[in-house]
Amino acid sequence: MKLISKITLCLSFILCPFLSQGQVGIGTDAPEGMLDMQFNNSTGFVFPKVALTSTILASPVVNPNGGAIVEGTVVFNTNTTTTGSNDVSPGIYAWNGSQWNPQFLRQDSELFEQTTLGVRTVTGDTSYNTGSSNWAEIPGLGTGTSFTPKYTGTYRIKGNFNFAAGRINLPVSGDIEMATMEGLFRFTFNGTPYLMYTHSYSIYNDGINGGTYYEQFKHDTSMVLYVNLTAGQTYNFKLEIDIFVADHFVDNGNSGDGRGYVGVGGLPCAIEFTFID
């Protein structure tokens, strides 16, 4: 009995400071918070690991005292869902009373670029959506190109394209000739086409250095789309161009120096996917 009394007394002295102050120190005698854990630099704190199925379902996490789990419950999710709604991915999540909120920075971005610069164009029909049009795919951004998102949510698709006209015909009369070459870029994403107008000028001046051509004036076209994507699903896309106005250019822009250019001045056409939320 005396031994038991001594042990009880010793434990009382040891635990008294922690019980009175409400602080617990592990690896330290001077906790600076409710829980202060001090280890060497080779160890860390491991959160409870669970496989969540949705951001709006508390399960499989439970309250050991019964009832709903409390706000502020934190777990490490090991699961990835691809339902397209309220999906989760591996990382730390905190319960706010109605849903799991990720406690980590979700980043996902991928850039696709034209692989061959200075691609030459040909001239199609002004009825650019018929079989007589000459849609040409941009190398590196053509059929077979796809993007697979890491997360479910809103992604921004940003496109930067450029085009320049080819060589103009010599003036029939006078010293100066100027004309424009016009067409469309077509970006098709997941079966939906998006059209963007493009054009570029070329000039010939007989009065400069005995006759000088001015061509390849780069025209930039930009595109921004916001789309909702599902994690793990593959989305196909491609970029094409069709030139349908090339009057006054060599061979109407269909051969030789008269053809236009895509990917001018060392700058490729580019498409970038970025996760927003």
Foldseek 3Di string as FASTA:
>chain_A
DVVVVVVVVVVCVVCVVCVVVCADEDPDPDDPDNYHYDDDPPDDDAFAEDADAFFQDPPPDADPVDDHDDFFDKGFHPYFDFPLHRTDHTAMWTHHPGGTDGPDDDKDKDKWWQDDFFDWAAAFAPVCVDPRFDKDFGHRFAFPDKDADAAFFKKKKKKKWKKKFFWFAADPDDFKDKDKWKWWKWKAKQRRIDIDIDMYMKMWGCVPPNIDIGIRPMDMDMDMDMDGDTHGDMMRMTMIMTIHQQPRFVVSQHDDRRTMTIRPPVHTIMMMMIDDD
